[in-house]
C-alpha atoms as a PDB file:
ATOM      1  CA  MET A   1       0.000   0.000   0.000  1.00  0.00           C
ATOM      2  CA  THR A   2       1.210   3.494  -0.766  1.00  0.00           C
ATOM      3  CA  GLU A   3       1.349   5.980   2.056  1.00  0.00           C
ATOM      4  CA  ALA A   4      -0.969   9.003   1.975  1.00  0.00           C
ATOM      5  CA  LYS A   5       0.718  12.178   0.772  1.00  0.00           C
ATOM      6  CA  THR A   6      -1.614  14.521   2.626  1.00  0.00           C
ATOM      7  CA  LYS A   7      -0.799  14.370   6.315  1.00  0.00           C
ATOM      8  CA  PRO A   8      -1.311  16.770   9.197  1.00  0.00           C
ATOM      9  CA  THR A   9       1.665  19.008   9.889  1.00  0.00           C
ATOM     10  CA  SER A  10       2.711  21.408  12.627  1.00  0.00           C
ATOM     11  CA  ALA A  11       2.889  24.357  10.214  1.00  0.00           C
ATOM     12  CA  ASP A  12       1.210  27.544  11.445  1.00  0.00           C
ATOM     13  CA  VAL A  13      -2.144  28.169   9.725  1.00  0.00           C
ATOM     14  CA  ALA A  14      -2.114  31.934  10.367  1.00  0.00           C
ATOM     15  CA  ALA A  15       1.387  32.257   8.889  1.00  0.00           C
ATOM     16  CA  PHE A  16       0.317  30.246   5.839  1.00  0.00           C
ATOM     17  CA  ILE A  17      -2.732  32.459   5.261  1.00  0.00           C
ATOM     18  CA  ALA A  18      -0.651  35.612   5.805  1.00  0.00           C
ATOM     19  CA  ALA A  19       1.642  34.533   2.960  1.00  0.00           C
ATOM     20  CA  VAL A  20      -1.155  33.769   0.469  1.00  0.00           C
ATOM     21  CA  GLU A  21      -1.007  35.861  -2.707  1.00  0.00           C
ATOM     22  CA  PRO A  22      -2.484  37.664  -4.494  1.00  0.00           C
ATOM     23  CA  LYS A  23      -4.310  39.893  -1.983  1.00  0.00           C
ATOM     24  CA  ARG A  24      -7.734  38.805  -3.281  1.00  0.00           C
ATOM     25  CA  ARG A  25      -6.901  35.135  -2.571  1.00  0.00           C
ATOM     26  CA  HIS A  26      -5.527  36.105   0.862  1.00  0.00           C
ATOM     27  CA  ASP A  27      -8.729  38.009   1.722  1.00  0.00           C
ATOM     28  CA  ASP A  28     -10.894  35.084   0.576  1.00  0.00           C
ATOM     29  CA  ALA A  29      -8.775  32.698   2.684  1.00  0.00           C
ATOM     30  CA  LEU A  30      -9.424  34.819   5.785  1.00  0.00           C
ATOM     31  CA  VAL A  31     -13.183  34.736   5.128  1.00  0.00           C
ATOM     32  CA  LEU A  32     -13.150  30.974   4.520  1.00  0.00           C
ATOM     33  CA  ASP A  33     -11.116  30.327   7.678  1.00  0.00           C
ATOM     34  CA  GLU A  34     -13.668  32.234   9.740  1.00  0.00           C
ATOM     35  CA  MET A  35     -16.541  30.411   8.014  1.00  0.00           C
ATOM     36  CA  PHE A  36     -15.066  26.934   8.529  1.00  0.00           C
ATOM     37  CA  ARG A  37     -14.204  27.694  12.178  1.00  0.00           C
ATOM     38  CA  ARG A  38     -17.764  28.896  12.826  1.00  0.00           C
ATOM     39  CA  ILE A  39     -19.426  25.970  11.044  1.00  0.00           C
ATOM     40  CA  THR A  40     -17.236  23.219  12.505  1.00  0.00           C
ATOM     41  CA  GLY A  41     -16.325  24.702  15.884  1.00  0.00           C
ATOM     42  CA  TRP A  42     -12.788  23.394  15.318  1.00  0.00           C
ATOM     43  CA  ALA A  43      -9.420  25.070  15.037  1.00  0.00           C
ATOM     44  CA  PRO A  44      -7.728  24.522  11.688  1.00  0.00           C
ATOM     45  CA  ARG A  45      -4.648  22.442  11.036  1.00  0.00           C
ATOM     46  CA  MET A  46      -2.365  22.336   8.015  1.00  0.00           C
ATOM     47  CA  TRP A  47      -2.500  19.135   5.979  1.00  0.00           C
ATOM     48  CA  GLY A  48       0.508  18.958   3.718  1.00  0.00           C
ATOM     49  CA  PRO A  49       1.920  22.284   2.591  1.00  0.00           C
ATOM     50  CA  THR A  50      -1.288  23.935   1.304  1.00  0.00           C
ATOM     51  CA  ILE A  51      -4.503  22.429   2.727  1.00  0.00           C
ATOM     52  CA  ILE A  52      -6.196  23.969   5.751  1.00  0.00           C
ATOM     53  CA  GLY A  53      -8.264  21.222   7.370  1.00  0.00           C
ATOM     54  CA  TYR A  54     -10.958  21.240  10.045  1.00  0.00           C
ATOM     55  CA  GLY A  55     -11.556  18.011  11.911  1.00  0.00           C
ATOM     56  CA  GLN A  56     -10.338  14.632  10.760  1.00  0.00           C
ATOM     57  CA  TYR A  57     -11.575  11.136  10.183  1.00  0.00           C
ATOM     58  CA  ALA A  58      -9.990   7.720   9.872  1.00  0.00           C
ATOM     59  CA  TYR A  59     -11.204   5.556   7.017  1.00  0.00           C
ATOM     60  CA  THR A  60     -10.762   2.014   5.773  1.00  0.00           C
ATOM     61  CA  TYR A  61     -12.059   1.149   2.315  1.00  0.00           C
ATOM     62  CA  ASP A  62     -13.297  -2.285   1.253  1.00  0.00           C
ATOM     63  CA  SER A  63      -9.962  -2.675  -0.560  1.00  0.00           C
ATOM     64  CA  GLY A  64      -8.184  -2.500   2.799  1.00  0.00           C
ATOM     65  CA  HIS A  65      -6.651   0.918   2.074  1.00  0.00           C
ATOM     66  CA  SER A  66      -6.868   3.082   5.177  1.00  0.00           C
ATOM     67  CA  GLY A  67      -5.737   6.478   6.343  1.00  0.00           C
ATOM     68  CA  THR A  68      -6.667   9.737   7.991  1.00  0.00           C
ATOM     69  CA  ALA A  69      -7.942  12.808   6.168  1.00  0.00           C
ATOM     70  CA  PRO A  70      -9.323  16.233   7.006  1.00  0.00           C
ATOM     71  CA  ALA A  71     -13.086  16.196   7.526  1.00  0.00           C
ATOM     72  CA  THR A  72     -13.410  19.407   5.512  1.00  0.00           C
ATOM     73  CA  GLY A  73     -11.265  22.358   4.573  1.00  0.00           C
ATOM     74  CA  PHE A  74      -9.852  24.423   1.776  1.00  0.00           C
ATOM     75  CA  SER A  75      -6.740  25.447  -0.088  1.00  0.00           C
ATOM     76  CA  PRO A  76      -6.255  28.969  -1.478  1.00  0.00           C
ATOM     77  CA  ARG A  77      -4.504  27.871  -4.664  1.00  0.00           C
ATOM     78  CA  LYS A  78      -3.372  30.298  -7.357  1.00  0.00           C
ATOM     79  CA  ALA A  79      -5.831  29.044  -9.986  1.00  0.00           C
ATOM     80  CA  SER A  80      -8.864  28.881  -7.669  1.00  0.00           C
ATOM     81  CA  LEU A  81     -10.059  28.236  -4.154  1.00  0.00           C
ATOM     82  CA  SER A  82     -10.326  24.481  -3.613  1.00  0.00           C
ATOM     83  CA  LEU A  83     -12.831  23.464  -0.963  1.00  0.00           C
ATOM     84  CA  TYR A  84     -12.826  19.886   0.283  1.00  0.00           C
ATOM     85  CA  ILE A  85     -16.354  18.613   0.779  1.00  0.00           C
ATOM     86  CA  MET A  86     -16.160  15.019   1.902  1.00  0.00           C
ATOM     87  CA  PRO A  87     -17.447  12.549   0.812  1.00  0.00           C
ATOM     88  CA  GLY A  88     -18.566  14.299  -2.387  1.00  0.00           C
ATOM     89  CA  TYR A  89     -21.635  15.904  -3.895  1.00  0.00           C
ATOM     90  CA  ASP A  90     -24.303  13.204  -4.167  1.00  0.00           C
ATOM     91  CA  ASP A  91     -27.676  14.692  -3.230  1.00  0.00           C
ATOM     92  CA  MET A  92     -26.345  18.279  -3.372  1.00  0.00           C
ATOM     93  CA  GLY A  93     -27.682  19.143  -6.843  1.00  0.00           C
ATOM     94  CA  ASP A  94     -30.131  21.757  -5.581  1.00  0.00           C
ATOM     95  CA  MET A  95     -27.506  23.483  -3.434  1.00  0.00           C
ATOM     96  CA  LEU A  96     -24.967  23.443  -6.259  1.00  0.00           C
ATOM     97  CA  ASP A  97     -27.580  24.947  -8.601  1.00  0.00           C
ATOM     98  CA  ARG A  98     -28.089  27.817  -6.127  1.00  0.00           C
ATOM     99  CA  LEU A  99     -24.399  28.308  -5.279  1.00  0.00           C
ATOM    100  CA  GLY A 100     -23.206  30.435  -8.177  1.00  0.00           C
ATOM    101  CA  LYS A 101     -20.178  30.077 -10.419  1.00  0.00           C
ATOM    102  CA  HIS A 102     -18.159  26.947  -9.535  1.00  0.00           C
ATOM    103  CA  LYS A 103     -16.729  23.668 -10.789  1.00  0.00           C
ATOM    104  CA  ILE A 104     -16.617  20.338  -9.005  1.00  0.00           C
ATOM    105  CA  GLY A 105     -14.270  17.373  -8.853  1.00  0.00           C
ATOM    106  CA  LYS A 106     -14.680  14.143  -6.901  1.00  0.00           C
ATOM    107  CA  SER A 107     -14.572  15.856  -3.499  1.00  0.00           C
ATOM    108  CA  CYS A 108     -13.313  19.312  -4.486  1.00  0.00           C
ATOM    109  CA  LEU A 109     -15.387  22.404  -5.081  1.00  0.00           C
ATOM    110  CA  TYR A 110     -13.490  24.958  -7.180  1.00  0.00           C
ATOM    111  CA  ILE A 111     -14.375  28.637  -6.856  1.00  0.00           C
ATOM    112  CA  ASN A 112     -12.507  31.476  -8.588  1.00  0.00           C
ATOM    113  CA  LYS A 113     -13.452  34.016  -5.911  1.00  0.00           C
ATOM    114  CA  LEU A 114     -15.955  34.146  -3.075  1.00  0.00           C
ATOM    115  CA  ASP A 115     -17.822  37.018  -4.754  1.00  0.00           C
ATOM    116  CA  ASP A 116     -18.907  34.465  -7.403  1.00  0.00           C
ATOM    117  CA  VAL A 117     -20.968  32.405  -4.931  1.00  0.00           C
ATOM    118  CA  ASP A 118     -23.739  32.789  -2.373  1.00  0.00           C
ATOM    119  CA  PRO A 119     -22.063  32.476   1.054  1.00  0.00           C
ATOM    120  CA  ALA A 120     -25.227  31.116   2.710  1.00  0.00           C
ATOM    121  CA  VAL A 121     -25.427  28.296   0.158  1.00  0.00           C
ATOM    122  CA  LEU A 122     -21.704  27.614   0.570  1.00  0.00           C
ATOM    123  CA  GLU A 123     -22.291  27.192   4.305  1.00  0.00           C
ATOM    124  CA  GLU A 124     -25.159  24.770   3.561  1.00  0.00           C
ATOM    125  CA  ILE A 125     -22.845  22.704   1.374  1.00  0.00           C
ATOM    126  CA  ILE A 126     -20.088  22.577   3.997  1.00  0.00           C
ATOM    127  CA  ARG A 127     -22.583  21.527   6.699  1.00  0.00           C
ATOM    128  CA  ALA A 128     -24.219  18.929   4.453  1.00  0.00           C
ATOM    129  CA  GLY A 129     -20.818  17.446   3.604  1.00  0.00           C
ATOM    130  CA  LEU A 130     -19.882  17.169   7.278  1.00  0.00           C
ATOM    131  CA  ASP A 131     -23.254  15.642   8.168  1.00  0.00           C
ATOM    132  CA  ARG A 132     -22.933  13.049   5.424  1.00  0.00           C
ATOM    133  CA  LEU A 133     -19.322  12.255   6.312  1.00  0.00           C
ATOM    134  CA  GLY A 134     -20.319  11.841   9.961  1.00  0.00           C
ATOM    135  CA  ARG A 135     -22.911   9.234   8.998  1.00  0.00           C
ATOM    136  CA  ASN A 136     -20.161   7.154   7.363  1.00  0.00           C
ATOM    137  CA  TRP A 137     -17.107   7.759   9.572  1.00  0.00           C
ATOM    138  CA  PRO A 138     -16.509   9.106  13.083  1.00  0.00           C
ATOM    139  CA  ILE A 139     -15.206  12.688  12.905  1.00  0.00           C
ATOM    140  CA  GLU A 140     -12.813  14.099  15.496  1.00  0.00           C
ATOM    141  CA  PRO A 141     -11.596  17.650  16.082  1.00  0.00           C
ATOM    142  CA  SER A 142      -8.208  18.317  14.499  1.00  0.00           C
END
């Protein structure tokens, strides 16, 4: 089995956000950090060099592959904001339709800037993802 590349680190979240460029991405990261803290009630933790995670869960797939991952979080990448909504977007069609401009991957929600989306709907999506994840795996604070 290969070892997971994304692991929790001791890097300082505030220092990471302070270094985010350009300014627009930095400002959006501050808003997202506040939103995720409020929704989850958890302090953030860096996962790898660029992911800010809130909570964590241990998983074991039917294949036997197991690991630990952030329960939710985001990364203020240069191309877009990447939000991690675990375990994906099944049953979120209505919320995604109301969100605004975005793209989705398997468990990533890509947003160019927060002004492109409805923040109330984004909060709904984050909460729904956590609720669904919690029905499948125990979630712990990070």
